N, C-alpha and C. Protein backbone atom coordinates (compact mmCIF):
# COMPACT_ATOMS: atom_id res chain seq x y z
N ALA A 1 -165.11 -231.22 102.04
CA ALA A 1 -164.57 -231.90 103.20
C ALA A 1 -164.64 -233.40 103.00
N VAL A 2 -163.78 -234.13 103.70
CA VAL A 2 -163.77 -235.58 103.61
C VAL A 2 -164.93 -236.13 104.41
N VAL A 3 -165.81 -236.88 103.75
CA VAL A 3 -167.00 -237.36 104.42
C VAL A 3 -167.17 -238.87 104.37
N SER A 4 -166.34 -239.56 103.59
CA SER A 4 -166.50 -241.01 103.45
C SER A 4 -166.15 -241.73 104.75
N THR A 5 -166.90 -242.80 105.05
CA THR A 5 -166.61 -243.63 106.22
C THR A 5 -166.50 -245.10 105.81
N GLN A 6 -165.96 -245.36 104.64
CA GLN A 6 -165.90 -246.71 104.10
C GLN A 6 -164.82 -247.56 104.78
N SER A 7 -163.88 -246.94 105.47
CA SER A 7 -162.81 -247.71 106.08
C SER A 7 -162.36 -247.03 107.36
N THR A 8 -161.62 -247.81 108.17
CA THR A 8 -161.09 -247.24 109.41
C THR A 8 -160.14 -246.08 109.12
N GLY A 9 -159.31 -246.24 108.07
CA GLY A 9 -158.38 -245.18 107.71
C GLY A 9 -159.10 -243.90 107.34
N GLU A 10 -160.18 -244.02 106.60
CA GLU A 10 -160.95 -242.84 106.22
C GLU A 10 -161.58 -242.19 107.45
N ALA A 11 -162.10 -243.03 108.34
CA ALA A 11 -162.73 -242.48 109.56
C ALA A 11 -161.71 -241.71 110.39
N ARG A 12 -160.52 -242.29 110.57
CA ARG A 12 -159.47 -241.61 111.33
C ARG A 12 -159.06 -240.32 110.62
N SER A 13 -159.01 -240.38 109.29
CA SER A 13 -158.65 -239.18 108.53
C SER A 13 -159.65 -238.07 108.76
N ASN A 14 -160.95 -238.42 108.80
CA ASN A 14 -162.00 -237.43 109.07
C ASN A 14 -161.76 -236.75 110.41
N VAL A 15 -161.49 -237.57 111.43
CA VAL A 15 -161.29 -237.04 112.78
C VAL A 15 -160.07 -236.11 112.81
N ASN A 16 -158.98 -236.57 112.23
CA ASN A 16 -157.77 -235.75 112.20
C ASN A 16 -157.99 -234.44 111.46
N LEU A 17 -158.74 -234.50 110.35
CA LEU A 17 -158.99 -233.29 109.57
C LEU A 17 -159.83 -232.30 110.37
N GLN A 18 -160.85 -232.81 111.05
CA GLN A 18 -161.70 -231.95 111.86
C GLN A 18 -160.93 -231.31 113.00
N MET A 19 -159.89 -231.99 113.49
CA MET A 19 -159.08 -231.45 114.58
C MET A 19 -157.93 -230.58 114.07
N GLY A 20 -157.83 -230.47 112.75
CA GLY A 20 -156.78 -229.65 112.17
C GLY A 20 -155.44 -230.34 112.05
N HIS A 21 -155.43 -231.67 112.21
CA HIS A 21 -154.18 -232.42 112.10
C HIS A 21 -154.02 -232.91 110.65
N LEU A 22 -153.53 -232.03 109.80
CA LEU A 22 -153.50 -232.33 108.37
C LEU A 22 -152.57 -233.49 108.04
N PHE A 23 -151.40 -233.52 108.66
CA PHE A 23 -150.46 -234.59 108.33
C PHE A 23 -151.02 -235.94 108.75
N GLY A 24 -151.63 -236.01 109.93
CA GLY A 24 -152.26 -237.26 110.36
C GLY A 24 -153.38 -237.66 109.44
N ALA A 25 -154.18 -236.68 109.02
CA ALA A 25 -155.28 -236.97 108.09
C ALA A 25 -154.74 -237.52 106.77
N PHE A 26 -153.65 -236.92 106.30
CA PHE A 26 -153.06 -237.38 105.04
C PHE A 26 -152.53 -238.80 105.17
N CYS A 27 -151.83 -239.09 106.26
CA CYS A 27 -151.27 -240.44 106.45
C CYS A 27 -152.37 -241.49 106.47
N ASP A 28 -153.48 -241.18 107.16
CA ASP A 28 -154.58 -242.14 107.24
C ASP A 28 -155.27 -242.35 105.90
N ILE A 29 -155.55 -241.26 105.20
CA ILE A 29 -156.24 -241.40 103.91
C ILE A 29 -155.31 -242.03 102.88
N ASN A 30 -154.01 -241.78 103.01
CA ASN A 30 -153.05 -242.37 102.08
C ASN A 30 -153.02 -243.88 102.24
N SER A 31 -153.07 -244.35 103.49
CA SER A 31 -153.12 -245.80 103.74
C SER A 31 -154.40 -246.39 103.17
N ALA A 32 -155.50 -245.67 103.33
CA ALA A 32 -156.78 -246.17 102.82
C ALA A 32 -156.78 -246.24 101.30
N VAL A 33 -156.17 -245.23 100.66
CA VAL A 33 -156.11 -245.21 99.19
C VAL A 33 -155.29 -246.39 98.67
N LYS A 34 -154.21 -246.72 99.37
CA LYS A 34 -153.38 -247.84 98.93
C LYS A 34 -154.15 -249.16 98.95
N LEU A 35 -155.08 -249.28 99.90
CA LEU A 35 -155.89 -250.50 99.99
C LEU A 35 -157.04 -250.49 98.99
N HIS A 36 -157.70 -249.34 98.87
CA HIS A 36 -158.88 -249.23 97.99
C HIS A 36 -158.85 -247.88 97.30
N PRO A 37 -158.18 -247.78 96.17
CA PRO A 37 -158.07 -246.49 95.48
C PRO A 37 -159.34 -246.12 94.70
N THR A 38 -160.42 -245.88 95.45
CA THR A 38 -161.69 -245.52 94.82
C THR A 38 -161.68 -244.03 94.44
N PRO A 39 -162.55 -243.62 93.51
CA PRO A 39 -162.63 -242.20 93.16
C PRO A 39 -162.89 -241.30 94.37
N THR A 40 -163.73 -241.77 95.28
CA THR A 40 -164.04 -240.97 96.47
C THR A 40 -162.80 -240.76 97.33
N MET A 41 -162.06 -241.85 97.58
CA MET A 41 -160.88 -241.72 98.43
C MET A 41 -159.77 -240.92 97.75
N LEU A 42 -159.62 -241.08 96.45
CA LEU A 42 -158.64 -240.28 95.73
C LEU A 42 -158.98 -238.79 95.83
N THR A 43 -160.26 -238.50 95.69
CA THR A 43 -160.70 -237.10 95.79
C THR A 43 -160.49 -236.57 97.20
N ASN A 44 -160.83 -237.39 98.19
CA ASN A 44 -160.62 -236.97 99.58
C ASN A 44 -159.14 -236.69 99.86
N ARG A 45 -158.27 -237.56 99.35
CA ARG A 45 -156.84 -237.33 99.55
C ARG A 45 -156.40 -236.05 98.83
N GLY A 46 -156.96 -235.83 97.66
CA GLY A 46 -156.64 -234.61 96.94
C GLY A 46 -157.03 -233.36 97.71
N VAL A 47 -158.20 -233.40 98.35
CA VAL A 47 -158.65 -232.25 99.14
C VAL A 47 -157.69 -231.98 100.29
N ILE A 48 -157.26 -233.05 100.97
CA ILE A 48 -156.32 -232.89 102.08
C ILE A 48 -154.99 -232.32 101.58
N GLN A 49 -154.53 -232.82 100.45
CA GLN A 49 -153.27 -232.30 99.91
C GLN A 49 -153.42 -230.83 99.50
N GLN A 50 -154.60 -230.46 99.04
CA GLN A 50 -154.83 -229.05 98.72
C GLN A 50 -154.77 -228.20 99.99
N TYR A 51 -155.38 -228.70 101.07
CA TYR A 51 -155.29 -228.00 102.35
C TYR A 51 -153.84 -227.85 102.80
N MET A 52 -153.02 -228.84 102.47
CA MET A 52 -151.61 -228.82 102.86
C MET A 52 -150.76 -227.97 101.94
N GLY A 53 -151.35 -227.42 100.90
CA GLY A 53 -150.62 -226.56 99.97
C GLY A 53 -149.93 -227.30 98.85
N ASP A 54 -150.24 -228.58 98.68
CA ASP A 54 -149.61 -229.38 97.63
C ASP A 54 -150.57 -229.47 96.44
N SER A 55 -150.62 -228.40 95.66
CA SER A 55 -151.59 -228.33 94.56
C SER A 55 -151.32 -229.36 93.48
N ALA A 56 -150.04 -229.63 93.20
CA ALA A 56 -149.71 -230.55 92.11
C ALA A 56 -150.23 -231.96 92.40
N ASN A 57 -149.98 -232.47 93.61
CA ASN A 57 -150.45 -233.81 93.94
C ASN A 57 -151.96 -233.84 94.16
N ALA A 58 -152.52 -232.73 94.63
CA ALA A 58 -153.98 -232.66 94.74
C ALA A 58 -154.62 -232.81 93.37
N MET A 59 -154.11 -232.07 92.38
CA MET A 59 -154.66 -232.17 91.03
C MET A 59 -154.45 -233.57 90.46
N ARG A 60 -153.32 -234.17 90.76
CA ARG A 60 -153.08 -235.54 90.27
C ARG A 60 -154.14 -236.49 90.81
N ASP A 61 -154.48 -236.35 92.09
CA ASP A 61 -155.52 -237.22 92.67
C ASP A 61 -156.89 -236.95 92.05
N PHE A 62 -157.22 -235.69 91.82
CA PHE A 62 -158.51 -235.38 91.20
C PHE A 62 -158.58 -235.98 89.80
N GLN A 63 -157.49 -235.87 89.05
CA GLN A 63 -157.47 -236.42 87.69
C GLN A 63 -157.55 -237.94 87.71
N GLN A 64 -156.89 -238.58 88.66
CA GLN A 64 -156.97 -240.04 88.77
C GLN A 64 -158.39 -240.47 89.13
N ALA A 65 -159.05 -239.69 89.97
CA ALA A 65 -160.44 -239.99 90.33
C ALA A 65 -161.33 -239.90 89.10
N ILE A 66 -161.10 -238.90 88.26
CA ILE A 66 -161.89 -238.72 87.04
C ILE A 66 -161.62 -239.86 86.06
N GLU A 67 -160.36 -240.28 85.98
CA GLU A 67 -160.03 -241.42 85.11
C GLU A 67 -160.73 -242.68 85.59
N ALA A 68 -160.86 -242.84 86.90
CA ALA A 68 -161.50 -244.03 87.45
C ALA A 68 -163.01 -243.99 87.27
N ASP A 69 -163.59 -242.80 87.29
CA ASP A 69 -165.04 -242.66 87.12
C ASP A 69 -165.30 -241.31 86.46
N SER A 70 -165.52 -241.35 85.16
CA SER A 70 -165.67 -240.11 84.38
C SER A 70 -166.96 -239.36 84.70
N ALA A 71 -167.83 -239.95 85.53
CA ALA A 71 -169.08 -239.28 85.91
C ALA A 71 -169.05 -238.79 87.36
N TYR A 72 -167.88 -238.84 87.99
CA TYR A 72 -167.80 -238.47 89.41
C TYR A 72 -167.68 -236.96 89.52
N SER A 73 -168.80 -236.30 89.77
CA SER A 73 -168.86 -234.84 89.71
C SER A 73 -167.99 -234.16 90.75
N LEU A 74 -167.82 -234.77 91.93
CA LEU A 74 -167.06 -234.12 93.00
C LEU A 74 -165.60 -233.93 92.62
N ALA A 75 -165.05 -234.88 91.88
CA ALA A 75 -163.65 -234.75 91.43
C ALA A 75 -163.52 -233.59 90.46
N TYR A 76 -164.47 -233.46 89.53
CA TYR A 76 -164.45 -232.33 88.61
C TYR A 76 -164.57 -231.01 89.39
N PHE A 77 -165.47 -230.98 90.37
CA PHE A 77 -165.70 -229.77 91.16
C PHE A 77 -164.43 -229.34 91.89
N ASN A 78 -163.76 -230.30 92.54
CA ASN A 78 -162.54 -229.96 93.27
C ASN A 78 -161.41 -229.55 92.33
N ALA A 79 -161.31 -230.21 91.19
CA ALA A 79 -160.29 -229.82 90.21
C ALA A 79 -160.58 -228.40 89.70
N ALA A 80 -161.86 -228.11 89.47
CA ALA A 80 -162.24 -226.77 89.01
C ALA A 80 -161.88 -225.72 90.04
N ASN A 81 -162.14 -226.01 91.31
CA ASN A 81 -161.81 -225.06 92.37
C ASN A 81 -160.31 -224.81 92.43
N LEU A 82 -159.54 -225.86 92.23
CA LEU A 82 -158.09 -225.71 92.26
C LEU A 82 -157.61 -224.85 91.10
N TYR A 83 -158.14 -225.11 89.90
CA TYR A 83 -157.78 -224.27 88.76
C TYR A 83 -158.22 -222.82 89.00
N PHE A 84 -159.40 -222.65 89.61
CA PHE A 84 -159.89 -221.31 89.91
C PHE A 84 -158.92 -220.58 90.84
N ASN A 85 -158.47 -221.27 91.88
CA ASN A 85 -157.54 -220.66 92.83
C ASN A 85 -156.21 -220.31 92.18
N MET A 86 -155.89 -221.04 91.11
CA MET A 86 -154.66 -220.77 90.36
C MET A 86 -154.89 -219.68 89.30
N ARG A 87 -156.13 -219.15 89.26
CA ARG A 87 -156.55 -218.12 88.31
C ARG A 87 -156.53 -218.60 86.86
N LEU A 88 -156.68 -219.91 86.68
CA LEU A 88 -156.81 -220.50 85.34
C LEU A 88 -158.31 -220.67 85.08
N PHE A 89 -158.97 -219.54 84.81
CA PHE A 89 -160.43 -219.52 84.82
C PHE A 89 -161.07 -220.30 83.68
N GLU A 90 -160.43 -220.33 82.51
CA GLU A 90 -160.99 -221.09 81.40
C GLU A 90 -160.95 -222.59 81.70
N LYS A 91 -159.83 -223.06 82.28
CA LYS A 91 -159.77 -224.47 82.67
C LYS A 91 -160.78 -224.76 83.77
N ALA A 92 -160.88 -223.85 84.73
CA ALA A 92 -161.86 -224.03 85.80
C ALA A 92 -163.26 -224.16 85.23
N LEU A 93 -163.58 -223.32 84.26
CA LEU A 93 -164.91 -223.35 83.67
C LEU A 93 -165.22 -224.69 83.02
N ARG A 94 -164.24 -225.25 82.33
CA ARG A 94 -164.46 -226.56 81.69
C ARG A 94 -164.78 -227.63 82.74
N TYR A 95 -164.09 -227.59 83.86
CA TYR A 95 -164.34 -228.60 84.90
C TYR A 95 -165.64 -228.32 85.65
N TYR A 96 -166.00 -227.05 85.84
CA TYR A 96 -167.31 -226.77 86.41
C TYR A 96 -168.41 -227.27 85.48
N ASP A 97 -168.20 -227.08 84.18
CA ASP A 97 -169.18 -227.60 83.21
C ASP A 97 -169.39 -229.10 83.40
N ALA A 98 -168.27 -229.83 83.55
CA ALA A 98 -168.36 -231.28 83.72
C ALA A 98 -169.03 -231.64 85.04
N ALA A 99 -168.73 -230.88 86.09
CA ALA A 99 -169.36 -231.15 87.39
C ALA A 99 -170.86 -230.96 87.31
N VAL A 100 -171.30 -229.88 86.66
CA VAL A 100 -172.73 -229.60 86.53
C VAL A 100 -173.39 -230.62 85.61
N GLU A 101 -172.69 -231.01 84.55
CA GLU A 101 -173.24 -232.01 83.62
C GLU A 101 -173.52 -233.32 84.33
N ASN A 102 -172.67 -233.68 85.27
CA ASN A 102 -172.82 -234.95 85.98
C ASN A 102 -173.65 -234.84 87.25
N CYS A 103 -173.90 -233.62 87.71
CA CYS A 103 -174.74 -233.41 88.89
C CYS A 103 -175.38 -232.03 88.78
N GLY A 104 -176.49 -231.96 88.08
CA GLY A 104 -177.11 -230.68 87.75
C GLY A 104 -177.66 -229.93 88.93
N ASP A 105 -177.88 -230.61 90.07
CA ASP A 105 -178.43 -229.92 91.24
C ASP A 105 -177.35 -229.54 92.25
N ASP A 106 -176.08 -229.52 91.81
CA ASP A 106 -174.98 -229.11 92.69
C ASP A 106 -174.91 -227.59 92.70
N GLU A 107 -175.52 -227.00 93.71
CA GLU A 107 -175.57 -225.54 93.80
C GLU A 107 -174.19 -224.92 93.82
N GLY A 108 -173.25 -225.55 94.54
CA GLY A 108 -171.90 -225.00 94.64
C GLY A 108 -171.20 -224.94 93.29
N ALA A 109 -171.35 -225.98 92.49
CA ALA A 109 -170.71 -226.01 91.18
C ALA A 109 -171.34 -224.96 90.26
N VAL A 110 -172.66 -224.84 90.31
CA VAL A 110 -173.34 -223.85 89.47
C VAL A 110 -172.93 -222.44 89.87
N LEU A 111 -172.89 -222.19 91.18
CA LEU A 111 -172.53 -220.86 91.67
C LEU A 111 -171.08 -220.51 91.33
N ASN A 112 -170.17 -221.44 91.55
CA ASN A 112 -168.77 -221.18 91.23
C ASN A 112 -168.56 -221.00 89.73
N ARG A 113 -169.34 -221.74 88.94
CA ARG A 113 -169.25 -221.56 87.49
C ARG A 113 -169.71 -220.16 87.11
N ALA A 114 -170.74 -219.67 87.78
CA ALA A 114 -171.22 -218.31 87.52
C ALA A 114 -170.12 -217.28 87.79
N ILE A 115 -169.41 -217.47 88.91
CA ILE A 115 -168.35 -216.52 89.26
C ILE A 115 -167.22 -216.59 88.24
N ALA A 116 -166.89 -217.81 87.80
CA ALA A 116 -165.86 -217.95 86.75
C ALA A 116 -166.30 -217.24 85.48
N LYS A 117 -167.57 -217.35 85.13
CA LYS A 117 -168.08 -216.69 83.92
C LYS A 117 -168.01 -215.17 84.06
N VAL A 118 -168.28 -214.66 85.26
CA VAL A 118 -168.14 -213.22 85.48
C VAL A 118 -166.71 -212.78 85.18
N LEU A 119 -165.75 -213.52 85.70
CA LEU A 119 -164.34 -213.17 85.52
C LEU A 119 -163.92 -213.30 84.06
N LEU A 120 -164.63 -214.13 83.30
CA LEU A 120 -164.36 -214.29 81.88
C LEU A 120 -165.25 -213.40 81.02
N LYS A 121 -165.99 -212.48 81.69
CA LYS A 121 -166.85 -211.48 81.03
C LYS A 121 -168.05 -212.07 80.31
N ASP A 122 -168.43 -213.30 80.65
CA ASP A 122 -169.65 -213.90 80.10
C ASP A 122 -170.80 -213.58 81.06
N TYR A 123 -171.28 -212.34 81.02
CA TYR A 123 -172.25 -211.89 81.99
C TYR A 123 -173.62 -212.55 81.82
N ASP A 124 -174.03 -212.79 80.58
CA ASP A 124 -175.32 -213.44 80.37
C ASP A 124 -175.30 -214.87 80.91
N GLY A 125 -174.21 -215.59 80.62
CA GLY A 125 -174.09 -216.95 81.13
C GLY A 125 -174.01 -216.97 82.64
N ALA A 126 -173.31 -215.99 83.21
CA ALA A 126 -173.20 -215.91 84.66
C ALA A 126 -174.56 -215.67 85.29
N LEU A 127 -175.34 -214.75 84.71
CA LEU A 127 -176.66 -214.46 85.26
C LEU A 127 -177.56 -215.69 85.24
N THR A 128 -177.49 -216.45 84.17
CA THR A 128 -178.27 -217.68 84.09
C THR A 128 -177.88 -218.64 85.20
N ASP A 129 -176.57 -218.77 85.45
CA ASP A 129 -176.11 -219.68 86.49
C ASP A 129 -176.48 -219.17 87.88
N PHE A 130 -176.37 -217.86 88.12
CA PHE A 130 -176.79 -217.32 89.42
C PHE A 130 -178.27 -217.61 89.66
N ASN A 131 -179.08 -217.42 88.63
CA ASN A 131 -180.51 -217.69 88.76
C ASN A 131 -180.76 -219.15 89.09
N THR A 132 -180.02 -220.03 88.44
CA THR A 132 -180.16 -221.47 88.70
C THR A 132 -179.74 -221.81 90.12
N ALA A 133 -178.60 -221.26 90.55
CA ALA A 133 -178.11 -221.53 91.90
C ALA A 133 -179.13 -221.08 92.95
N ILE A 134 -179.74 -219.93 92.72
CA ILE A 134 -180.74 -219.42 93.67
C ILE A 134 -181.99 -220.28 93.66
N SER A 135 -182.37 -220.79 92.50
CA SER A 135 -183.54 -221.68 92.45
C SER A 135 -183.25 -222.99 93.17
N LEU A 136 -181.98 -223.43 93.15
CA LEU A 136 -181.60 -224.66 93.86
C LEU A 136 -181.54 -224.44 95.36
N ASN A 137 -181.13 -223.24 95.78
CA ASN A 137 -181.05 -222.92 97.20
C ASN A 137 -181.44 -221.46 97.41
N PRO A 138 -182.74 -221.19 97.61
CA PRO A 138 -183.20 -219.80 97.75
C PRO A 138 -182.86 -219.17 99.09
N PHE A 139 -182.12 -219.90 99.93
CA PHE A 139 -181.71 -219.36 101.25
C PHE A 139 -180.22 -219.06 101.30
N ALA A 140 -179.55 -219.08 100.16
CA ALA A 140 -178.10 -218.85 100.10
C ALA A 140 -177.84 -217.35 99.93
N ALA A 141 -177.50 -216.69 101.02
CA ALA A 141 -177.25 -215.25 100.97
C ALA A 141 -176.13 -214.91 99.99
N HIS A 142 -175.09 -215.75 99.96
CA HIS A 142 -173.94 -215.46 99.10
C HIS A 142 -174.32 -215.49 97.63
N ALA A 143 -175.34 -216.28 97.27
CA ALA A 143 -175.76 -216.33 95.87
C ALA A 143 -176.43 -215.01 95.47
N PHE A 144 -177.29 -214.49 96.36
CA PHE A 144 -177.91 -213.19 96.09
C PHE A 144 -176.85 -212.08 96.06
N PHE A 145 -175.89 -212.15 96.98
CA PHE A 145 -174.83 -211.15 97.03
C PHE A 145 -174.05 -211.13 95.72
N ASN A 146 -173.66 -212.31 95.24
CA ASN A 146 -172.87 -212.37 94.01
C ASN A 146 -173.68 -211.96 92.80
N ARG A 147 -174.97 -212.32 92.77
CA ARG A 147 -175.80 -211.87 91.65
C ARG A 147 -175.96 -210.35 91.71
N GLY A 148 -176.06 -209.81 92.94
CA GLY A 148 -176.12 -208.37 93.08
C GLY A 148 -174.88 -207.69 92.53
N ASN A 149 -173.72 -208.28 92.79
CA ASN A 149 -172.48 -207.72 92.25
C ASN A 149 -172.49 -207.72 90.72
N LEU A 150 -173.04 -208.77 90.14
CA LEU A 150 -173.13 -208.82 88.67
C LEU A 150 -174.05 -207.72 88.16
N HIS A 151 -175.22 -207.59 88.78
CA HIS A 151 -176.14 -206.53 88.36
C HIS A 151 -175.47 -205.16 88.48
N LEU A 152 -174.72 -204.96 89.55
CA LEU A 152 -174.03 -203.68 89.75
C LEU A 152 -173.02 -203.44 88.64
N ALA A 153 -172.28 -204.49 88.28
CA ALA A 153 -171.28 -204.36 87.21
C ALA A 153 -171.93 -204.06 85.87
N MET A 154 -173.18 -204.51 85.70
CA MET A 154 -173.90 -204.30 84.45
C MET A 154 -174.71 -203.00 84.47
N GLY A 155 -174.58 -202.24 85.56
CA GLY A 155 -175.31 -200.98 85.65
C GLY A 155 -176.77 -201.14 86.01
N GLU A 156 -177.16 -202.32 86.46
CA GLU A 156 -178.55 -202.60 86.82
C GLU A 156 -178.71 -202.39 88.33
N ASN A 157 -178.76 -201.12 88.71
CA ASN A 157 -178.66 -200.77 90.13
C ASN A 157 -179.88 -201.16 90.95
N VAL A 158 -181.05 -201.10 90.36
CA VAL A 158 -182.27 -201.47 91.08
C VAL A 158 -182.26 -202.97 91.39
N GLN A 159 -181.89 -203.77 90.38
CA GLN A 159 -181.81 -205.22 90.59
C GLN A 159 -180.73 -205.56 91.62
N ALA A 160 -179.62 -204.84 91.55
CA ALA A 160 -178.56 -205.05 92.53
C ALA A 160 -179.07 -204.74 93.93
N GLU A 161 -179.77 -203.63 94.08
CA GLU A 161 -180.34 -203.27 95.39
C GLU A 161 -181.24 -204.38 95.92
N ASP A 162 -182.09 -204.90 95.06
CA ASP A 162 -183.01 -205.97 95.49
C ASP A 162 -182.23 -207.19 95.99
N ASP A 163 -181.17 -207.55 95.27
CA ASP A 163 -180.40 -208.73 95.67
C ASP A 163 -179.65 -208.50 96.99
N TYR A 164 -179.09 -207.33 97.16
CA TYR A 164 -178.39 -207.05 98.43
C TYR A 164 -179.36 -207.03 99.60
N ARG A 165 -180.55 -206.51 99.38
CA ARG A 165 -181.55 -206.51 100.46
C ARG A 165 -181.96 -207.94 100.81
N LYS A 166 -182.09 -208.78 99.79
CA LYS A 166 -182.41 -210.18 100.04
C LYS A 166 -181.28 -210.87 100.79
N ALA A 167 -180.04 -210.59 100.38
CA ALA A 167 -178.88 -211.18 101.06
C ALA A 167 -178.88 -210.78 102.53
N LEU A 168 -179.19 -209.52 102.81
CA LEU A 168 -179.21 -209.05 104.19
C LEU A 168 -180.35 -209.65 104.99
N SER A 169 -181.46 -209.94 104.33
CA SER A 169 -182.57 -210.58 105.04
C SER A 169 -182.21 -211.99 105.47
N LEU A 170 -181.28 -212.61 104.72
CA LEU A 170 -180.84 -213.97 105.03
C LEU A 170 -179.62 -213.98 105.94
N GLN A 171 -178.81 -212.93 105.85
CA GLN A 171 -177.58 -212.84 106.65
C GLN A 171 -177.44 -211.38 107.12
N PRO A 172 -178.16 -211.02 108.17
CA PRO A 172 -178.32 -209.61 108.55
C PRO A 172 -177.06 -208.91 109.02
N ARG A 173 -176.03 -209.62 109.38
CA ARG A 173 -174.83 -208.98 109.93
C ARG A 173 -173.65 -209.02 108.96
N ASP A 174 -173.95 -209.08 107.68
CA ASP A 174 -172.88 -209.15 106.67
C ASP A 174 -172.51 -207.74 106.23
N SER A 175 -171.34 -207.28 106.66
CA SER A 175 -170.92 -205.91 106.35
C SER A 175 -170.75 -205.68 104.85
N ALA A 176 -170.31 -206.71 104.12
CA ALA A 176 -170.10 -206.56 102.67
C ALA A 176 -171.42 -206.26 101.96
N SER A 177 -172.51 -206.90 102.39
CA SER A 177 -173.81 -206.65 101.77
C SER A 177 -174.29 -205.23 102.08
N TYR A 178 -174.06 -204.76 103.31
CA TYR A 178 -174.40 -203.38 103.66
C TYR A 178 -173.62 -202.40 102.77
N ASN A 179 -172.34 -202.68 102.60
CA ASN A 179 -171.49 -201.80 101.80
C ASN A 179 -171.95 -201.75 100.35
N GLN A 180 -172.21 -202.91 99.78
CA GLN A 180 -172.62 -202.96 98.38
C GLN A 180 -174.02 -202.38 98.17
N LEU A 181 -174.89 -202.59 99.15
CA LEU A 181 -176.22 -201.97 99.07
C LEU A 181 -176.08 -200.45 99.05
N ALA A 182 -175.17 -199.93 99.86
CA ALA A 182 -174.93 -198.49 99.87
C ALA A 182 -174.46 -198.00 98.50
N VAL A 183 -173.59 -198.78 97.85
CA VAL A 183 -173.12 -198.40 96.52
C VAL A 183 -174.28 -198.37 95.54
N ALA A 184 -175.12 -199.41 95.57
CA ALA A 184 -176.27 -199.46 94.66
C ALA A 184 -177.22 -198.30 94.89
N LEU A 185 -177.45 -197.96 96.14
CA LEU A 185 -178.32 -196.82 96.46
C LEU A 185 -177.69 -195.51 96.02
N GLY A 186 -176.39 -195.38 96.25
CA GLY A 186 -175.70 -194.16 95.84
C GLY A 186 -175.80 -193.93 94.34
N ARG A 187 -175.71 -195.00 93.58
CA ARG A 187 -175.81 -194.86 92.12
C ARG A 187 -177.21 -194.48 91.67
N GLN A 188 -178.18 -194.65 92.57
CA GLN A 188 -179.55 -194.21 92.29
C GLN A 188 -179.84 -192.84 92.91
N PHE A 189 -178.78 -192.20 93.40
CA PHE A 189 -178.85 -190.86 94.00
C PHE A 189 -179.69 -190.85 95.28
N LYS A 190 -179.76 -192.00 95.96
CA LYS A 190 -180.42 -192.07 97.26
C LYS A 190 -179.34 -191.90 98.32
N LYS A 191 -178.82 -190.68 98.40
CA LYS A 191 -177.60 -190.43 99.16
C LYS A 191 -177.78 -190.61 100.67
N VAL A 192 -178.90 -190.17 101.21
CA VAL A 192 -179.11 -190.27 102.65
C VAL A 192 -179.16 -191.73 103.09
N GLU A 193 -179.95 -192.53 102.36
CA GLU A 193 -180.07 -193.95 102.68
C GLU A 193 -178.74 -194.67 102.46
N ALA A 194 -178.04 -194.30 101.39
CA ALA A 194 -176.74 -194.91 101.10
C ALA A 194 -175.76 -194.65 102.25
N LEU A 195 -175.74 -193.42 102.75
CA LEU A 195 -174.84 -193.08 103.84
C LEU A 195 -175.15 -193.90 105.09
N ASP A 196 -176.44 -194.10 105.34
CA ASP A 196 -176.83 -194.89 106.52
C ASP A 196 -176.30 -196.32 106.41
N TYR A 197 -176.38 -196.91 105.21
CA TYR A 197 -175.89 -198.29 105.04
C TYR A 197 -174.36 -198.35 105.09
N PHE A 198 -173.70 -197.31 104.59
CA PHE A 198 -172.25 -197.26 104.73
C PHE A 198 -171.85 -197.25 106.20
N LYS A 199 -172.57 -196.47 106.99
CA LYS A 199 -172.26 -196.40 108.42
C LYS A 199 -172.48 -197.73 109.11
N GLN A 200 -173.54 -198.45 108.70
CA GLN A 200 -173.80 -199.76 109.29
C GLN A 200 -172.72 -200.76 108.89
N ALA A 201 -172.24 -200.65 107.65
CA ALA A 201 -171.16 -201.54 107.20
C ALA A 201 -169.90 -201.31 108.04
N ILE A 202 -169.56 -200.05 108.26
CA ILE A 202 -168.37 -199.71 109.06
C ILE A 202 -168.52 -200.20 110.48
N LYS A 203 -169.72 -200.03 111.04
CA LYS A 203 -169.95 -200.46 112.42
C LYS A 203 -169.77 -201.96 112.57
N LEU A 204 -170.27 -202.72 111.60
CA LEU A 204 -170.14 -204.18 111.66
C LEU A 204 -168.68 -204.61 111.49
N LYS A 205 -167.94 -203.91 110.65
CA LYS A 205 -166.53 -204.25 110.46
C LYS A 205 -165.72 -204.02 111.73
N GLU A 206 -166.17 -203.07 112.55
CA GLU A 206 -165.43 -202.75 113.77
C GLU A 206 -165.71 -203.71 114.90
N LEU A 207 -166.76 -204.53 114.76
CA LEU A 207 -167.12 -205.47 115.84
C LEU A 207 -166.11 -206.61 115.95
């Protein structure tokens, strides 16, 4: 999200973005960029353009931000996310690498890199990144959920069960975690317990 408050244009852009007025947000940040084309403002404009569905110009802004400051991790992170959404996972991975290299405690970049590695079948690398992301934020239910999915894909059903249970302890009403926990239990032939979690998943989906 756009968080900079360095100028009036940026501040107005923040307000417009929060209110869902994308065109107004773009006009304000565009004026601010023309006055002070900093890496932060270029990245912020790129994010808004991505929200507007203009991937080409969003990527152009992220790349210009990187050219202006080759250590600006947020620009790499946003470019990586855009490549990821385009299903260009190898390119996404390279940019996640750069984001993590420039900001090693960025849990989001580490976690997204792990997911990209899963899709590229680098399971060992993904597990390392999931472990790192969890150490950076041990209260992130989605990190445990995604690591559980990896364990499940690797046939490590007990470890998957542990991760889904942890995810549910942090986010008790997540139907996806109930569903996946049921799968992990079913693969361990704990059919009665698995059925109970399947029923809870269905009940939550119906709410």
